[in-house]
Protein backbone atom coordinates (compact mmCIF):
# COMPACT_ATOMS: atom_id res chain seq x y z
CA ALA A 1 135.71 99.67 64.72
CA ALA A 2 134.14 100.14 68.22
CA PHE A 3 133.54 98.60 71.17
CA SER A 4 133.02 98.88 74.76
CA GLY A 5 133.82 97.50 78.08
CA SER A 6 135.65 98.69 81.39
CA ALA A 7 135.98 97.12 84.60
CA GLU A 8 137.90 98.57 87.96
CA GLY A 9 138.91 96.57 90.81
CA CYS A 10 141.51 94.77 92.74
CA ALA A 11 144.19 92.48 91.40
CA PRO A 12 143.52 90.18 90.01
CA LEU A 13 140.56 91.74 87.73
CA CYS A 14 139.22 89.64 85.24
CA VAL A 15 137.11 90.91 82.40
CA THR A 16 134.11 89.78 80.61
CA GLN A 17 132.41 92.37 79.19
CA PHE A 18 133.96 93.40 75.99
CA VAL A 19 131.57 94.08 73.30
CA ASP A 20 132.51 94.36 69.75
CA SER A 21 129.70 97.01 68.27
CA SER A 22 131.91 97.68 65.08
CA THR A 23 129.76 98.43 61.70
CA SER A 24 130.60 98.46 57.63
CA THR A 25 128.67 100.32 55.41
CA ASP A 26 130.53 98.45 52.50
CA GLY A 27 130.94 94.78 52.86
CA SER A 28 130.90 92.78 56.02
CA ILE A 29 133.39 92.42 58.91
CA ASN A 30 135.15 88.69 58.84
CA SER A 31 137.86 89.44 61.12
CA TRP A 32 138.56 90.60 64.52
CA GLN A 33 142.09 91.02 66.37
CA TRP A 34 141.99 92.58 69.60
CA SER A 35 144.73 93.34 72.04
CA PHE A 36 144.88 93.56 75.68
CA PRO A 37 148.46 95.07 76.44
CA GLY A 38 148.94 93.84 80.16
CA GLY A 39 146.43 91.31 80.38
CA THR A 40 146.10 87.46 79.71
CA PRO A 41 145.62 86.39 77.49
CA SER A 42 147.05 89.47 75.63
CA SER A 43 145.43 89.13 72.20
CA ALA A 44 142.41 87.37 71.00
CA THR A 45 140.43 86.81 67.31
CA GLY A 46 136.91 86.55 66.96
CA GLN A 47 134.00 89.07 67.72
CA ILE A 48 133.37 88.14 71.23
CA PRO A 49 137.02 88.00 72.98
CA PRO A 50 137.53 85.56 76.11
CA THR A 51 137.96 86.55 79.54
CA ILE A 52 140.98 88.79 80.01
CA CYS A 53 142.85 89.03 83.22
CA TYR A 54 144.91 91.46 84.87
CA ASN A 55 147.44 90.36 87.44
CA ALA A 56 149.34 93.14 88.46
CA PRO A 57 147.93 96.94 89.67
CA GLY A 58 147.59 99.42 86.70
CA ILE A 59 145.81 101.21 84.10
CA TYR A 60 145.27 99.57 80.85
CA GLY A 61 143.77 99.66 77.74
CA ALA A 62 142.50 97.62 74.52
CA THR A 63 142.77 98.19 70.73
CA LEU A 64 140.81 96.04 68.52
CA THR A 65 141.58 95.83 64.64
CA VAL A 66 138.31 95.03 62.19
CA THR A 67 138.71 94.00 58.72
CA THR A 68 136.24 93.40 55.89
CA THR A 69 135.55 91.36 52.92
CA TYR A 70 137.38 93.59 50.86
CA GLY A 71 140.57 94.01 53.07
CA CYS A 72 139.51 97.32 54.58
CA LYS A 73 140.77 97.70 57.99
CA ASP A 74 139.74 100.24 61.43
CA ILE A 75 141.38 100.53 64.67
CA LYS A 76 140.15 101.65 67.80
CA THR A 77 142.26 102.14 70.68
CA ILE A 78 140.73 102.87 74.38
CA THR A 79 143.01 103.85 77.08
CA PRO A 80 142.58 103.90 80.15
CA LEU A 81 139.67 101.21 79.97
CA ILE A 82 140.75 98.84 82.73
CA THR A 83 141.92 99.98 86.35
CA VAL A 84 143.43 97.57 88.90
CA HIS A 85 144.44 98.47 92.01
CA ALA A 86 146.65 97.07 94.44
CA TRP A 87 145.48 95.15 97.74
CA PRO A 88 145.94 97.03 100.78
CA LYS A 89 149.32 95.25 103.10
CA ALA A 90 147.53 95.22 106.66
CA ASP A 91 150.11 95.68 109.17
CA PHE A 92 150.86 96.27 113.45
CA CYS A 93 153.06 96.50 116.00
CA VAL A 94 152.54 95.28 119.45
CA THR A 95 154.53 96.38 122.78
CA PRO A 96 155.94 95.16 125.16
CA THR A 97 156.09 91.59 123.29
CA GLN A 98 155.70 89.93 126.39
CA ALA A 99 153.99 91.53 129.70
CA PRO A 100 153.87 90.43 133.10
CA ILE A 101 151.01 88.36 134.66
CA THR A 102 150.85 91.17 137.25
CA ASN A 103 150.32 93.71 134.22
CA PRO A 104 149.10 92.29 131.01
CA VAL A 105 148.77 95.26 129.50
CA PHE A 106 149.82 95.52 125.71
CA ASN A 107 149.73 98.89 123.36
CA PHE A 108 149.33 98.22 119.47
CA CYS A 109 150.04 100.59 116.77
CA ASP A 110 149.10 100.92 112.70
CA LEU A 111 151.95 99.68 110.22
């Protein structure tokens, strides 16, 4: 079993570039089982998985299990593979909340 594909970005992050590069020297691969903990969908079958989306910030991995026509299996897990960052939260304060018309000066602070 072998595969590649990684991504990094802000949530939600959807990944389309998982690529199977598995090989077999005896028989041919006829089954692919993908696992994407924390992703949606969290599992898939087939050589090319669908788009996997990660909605929560975190570091995620993936697992591929391949099976040959003779029933031989191999598993490959890669962690970390996907890094999802949280969006920053912008906020500020203003003082005073009301200023007199004769002195309309406001002060801002970063929160």
